[in-house]
Amino acid sequence: MIQELTVVGIDISKARFDVCAYPAGKHWSTSSSPEQITALIKRIQALGPVVVGLEASGGYERRLADSLHAAGVKVYILPPQGFAALPPPWGNWPRLTGSTLP
């Protein structure tokens, strides 16, 4: 039987992590304290086979990435400029001109 891989994306900031798991449809936020990182790793591991993507965020992602890697979780640090270049899933970016700006 083939198990479905869960993809977890984590938005990193100095004080907290915003987490989204696909296709599980789960999302939550947690603080970036060492205790909460341990709890986050356990919660991610409970999702089954998983891969985690973190947006590079001025070094704030390092402690989480290192902890995930040490726990045996496959983790990728992704450059933030790559996200800005991708179109949204609903189609092309809207064109903003002087007449369409609020």
C-alpha atoms as a PDB file:
ATOM      1  CA  MET A   1       0.000   0.000   0.000  1.00  0.00           C
ATOM      2  CA  ILE A   2       1.322   3.416  -0.953  1.00  0.00           C
ATOM      3  CA  GLN A   3       1.114   6.037   1.773  1.00  0.00           C
ATOM      4  CA  GLU A   4       0.381   9.594   0.814  1.00  0.00           C
ATOM      5  CA  LEU A   5       3.136  12.079   1.563  1.00  0.00           C
ATOM      6  CA  THR A   6       2.129  15.090   3.640  1.00  0.00           C
ATOM      7  CA  VAL A   7       3.722  18.387   2.685  1.00  0.00           C
ATOM      8  CA  VAL A   8       4.168  20.855   5.539  1.00  0.00           C
ATOM      9  CA  GLY A   9       4.927  24.497   4.863  1.00  0.00           C
ATOM     10  CA  ILE A  10       6.096  26.713   7.695  1.00  0.00           C
ATOM     11  CA  ASP A  11       6.209  30.498   7.578  1.00  0.00           C
ATOM     12  CA  ILE A  12       8.967  31.662   9.902  1.00  0.00           C
ATOM     13  CA  SER A  13       9.110  34.815  11.988  1.00  0.00           C
ATOM     14  CA  LYS A  14      11.138  35.765  15.035  1.00  0.00           C
ATOM     15  CA  ALA A  15       8.391  34.996  17.550  1.00  0.00           C
ATOM     16  CA  ARG A  16       6.249  32.314  15.895  1.00  0.00           C
ATOM     17  CA  PHE A  17       5.794  29.689  13.218  1.00  0.00           C
ATOM     18  CA  ASP A  18       2.664  29.465  11.056  1.00  0.00           C
ATOM     19  CA  VAL A  19       2.207  25.876   9.894  1.00  0.00           C
ATOM     20  CA  CYS A  20       0.058  24.385   7.126  1.00  0.00           C
ATOM     21  CA  ALA A  21      -0.153  20.674   6.244  1.00  0.00           C
ATOM     22  CA  TYR A  22      -1.362  19.477   2.839  1.00  0.00           C
ATOM     23  CA  PRO A  23      -3.426  17.434   2.011  1.00  0.00           C
ATOM     24  CA  ALA A  24      -4.424  17.058   5.668  1.00  0.00           C
ATOM     25  CA  GLY A  25      -5.864  20.591   5.592  1.00  0.00           C
ATOM     26  CA  LYS A  26      -4.509  21.370   9.047  1.00  0.00           C
ATOM     27  CA  HIS A  27      -3.041  24.723   9.999  1.00  0.00           C
ATOM     28  CA  TRP A  28      -1.875  26.197  13.269  1.00  0.00           C
ATOM     29  CA  SER A  29       0.563  28.643  14.821  1.00  0.00           C
ATOM     30  CA  THR A  30       3.071  28.106  17.590  1.00  0.00           C
ATOM     31  CA  SER A  31       5.748  30.119  19.301  1.00  0.00           C
ATOM     32  CA  SER A  32       9.400  29.648  18.393  1.00  0.00           C
ATOM     33  CA  SER A  33      10.572  28.667  21.884  1.00  0.00           C
ATOM     34  CA  PRO A  34      12.687  25.495  22.263  1.00  0.00           C
ATOM     35  CA  GLU A  35       9.824  23.752  24.082  1.00  0.00           C
ATOM     36  CA  GLN A  36       7.367  24.589  21.318  1.00  0.00           C
ATOM     37  CA  ILE A  37       9.827  23.440  18.645  1.00  0.00           C
ATOM     38  CA  THR A  38       9.931  20.024  20.354  1.00  0.00           C
ATOM     39  CA  ALA A  39       6.115  19.916  20.474  1.00  0.00           C
ATOM     40  CA  LEU A  40       5.905  21.017  16.820  1.00  0.00           C
ATOM     41  CA  ILE A  41       8.239  18.243  15.705  1.00  0.00           C
ATOM     42  CA  LYS A  42       6.129  15.635  17.507  1.00  0.00           C
ATOM     43  CA  ARG A  43       2.975  17.004  15.899  1.00  0.00           C
ATOM     44  CA  ILE A  44       4.582  16.963  12.438  1.00  0.00           C
ATOM     45  CA  GLN A  45       5.865  13.402  12.906  1.00  0.00           C
ATOM     46  CA  ALA A  46       2.353  12.295  13.882  1.00  0.00           C
ATOM     47  CA  LEU A  47       1.178  13.248  10.373  1.00  0.00           C
ATOM     48  CA  GLY A  48       2.970  10.196   8.926  1.00  0.00           C
ATOM     49  CA  PRO A  49       5.355  10.394   5.961  1.00  0.00           C
ATOM     50  CA  VAL A  50       6.151  14.068   5.676  1.00  0.00           C
ATOM     51  CA  VAL A  51       8.369  16.604   3.958  1.00  0.00           C
ATOM     52  CA  VAL A  52       8.775  20.114   5.372  1.00  0.00           C
ATOM     53  CA  GLY A  53       9.539  23.354   3.541  1.00  0.00           C
ATOM     54  CA  LEU A  54      10.679  26.445   5.439  1.00  0.00           C
ATOM     55  CA  GLU A  55      11.016  29.902   3.975  1.00  0.00           C
ATOM     56  CA  ALA A  56      14.483  31.293   4.635  1.00  0.00           C
ATOM     57  CA  SER A  57      13.873  34.133   7.045  1.00  0.00           C
ATOM     58  CA  GLY A  58      17.039  35.893   8.133  1.00  0.00           C
ATOM     59  CA  GLY A  59      18.351  32.965  10.145  1.00  0.00           C
ATOM     60  CA  TYR A  60      15.247  32.475  12.294  1.00  0.00           C
ATOM     61  CA  GLU A  61      14.619  29.189  10.466  1.00  0.00           C
ATOM     62  CA  ARG A  62      17.972  27.572  11.402  1.00  0.00           C
ATOM     63  CA  ARG A  63      17.067  26.275  14.867  1.00  0.00           C
ATOM     64  CA  LEU A  64      13.843  24.686  13.593  1.00  0.00           C
ATOM     65  CA  ALA A  65      15.519  23.246  10.488  1.00  0.00           C
ATOM     66  CA  ASP A  66      18.355  21.753  12.538  1.00  0.00           C
ATOM     67  CA  SER A  67      15.904  20.271  15.050  1.00  0.00           C
ATOM     68  CA  LEU A  68      13.711  18.761  12.318  1.00  0.00           C
ATOM     69  CA  HIS A  69      16.756  17.280  10.591  1.00  0.00           C
ATOM     70  CA  ALA A  70      18.053  15.813  13.877  1.00  0.00           C
ATOM     71  CA  ALA A  71      14.621  14.195  14.392  1.00  0.00           C
ATOM     72  CA  GLY A  72      14.871  12.506  10.984  1.00  0.00           C
ATOM     73  CA  VAL A  73      12.356  14.741   9.208  1.00  0.00           C
ATOM     74  CA  LYS A  74      13.135  15.655   5.591  1.00  0.00           C
ATOM     75  CA  VAL A  75      13.361  19.449   5.573  1.00  0.00           C
ATOM     76  CA  TYR A  76      14.117  22.014   2.884  1.00  0.00           C
ATOM     77  CA  ILE A  77      14.964  25.688   3.346  1.00  0.00           C
ATOM     78  CA  LEU A  78      13.478  27.571   0.412  1.00  0.00           C
ATOM     79  CA  PRO A  79      14.516  31.023  -0.827  1.00  0.00           C
ATOM     80  CA  PRO A  80      11.803  33.646  -0.276  1.00  0.00           C
ATOM     81  CA  GLN A  81      12.271  35.223  -3.700  1.00  0.00           C
ATOM     82  CA  GLY A  82      11.122  31.961  -5.283  1.00  0.00           C
ATOM     83  CA  PHE A  83       7.678  32.379  -3.761  1.00  0.00           C
ATOM     84  CA  ALA A  84       7.233  35.921  -4.993  1.00  0.00           C
ATOM     85  CA  ALA A  85       7.819  34.797  -8.583  1.00  0.00           C
ATOM     86  CA  LEU A  86       5.117  32.102  -8.520  1.00  0.00           C
ATOM     87  CA  PRO A  87       1.624  32.980  -9.690  1.00  0.00           C
ATOM     88  CA  PRO A  88      -1.220  32.322  -7.273  1.00  0.00           C
ATOM     89  CA  PRO A  89      -3.089  29.027  -7.761  1.00  0.00           C
ATOM     90  CA  TRP A  90      -6.175  30.791  -9.159  1.00  0.00           C
ATOM     91  CA  GLY A  91      -4.330  32.217 -12.196  1.00  0.00           C
ATOM     92  CA  ASN A  92      -2.220  35.212 -13.034  1.00  0.00           C
ATOM     93  CA  TRP A  93      -1.388  38.096 -10.733  1.00  0.00           C
ATOM     94  CA  PRO A  94      -3.830  40.975 -11.164  1.00  0.00           C
ATOM     95  CA  ARG A  95      -2.420  43.950 -13.003  1.00  0.00           C
ATOM     96  CA  LEU A  96      -2.324  47.009 -10.804  1.00  0.00           C
ATOM     97  CA  THR A  97      -2.367  50.358 -12.535  1.00  0.00           C
ATOM     98  CA  GLY A  98      -3.042  53.832 -11.298  1.00  0.00           C
ATOM     99  CA  SER A  99      -6.697  53.475 -12.229  1.00  0.00           C
ATOM    100  CA  THR A 100      -7.162  50.168 -10.349  1.00  0.00           C
ATOM    101  CA  LEU A 101      -5.407  51.143  -7.137  1.00  0.00           C
ATOM    102  CA  PRO A 102      -7.672  52.157  -4.230  1.00  0.00           C
END
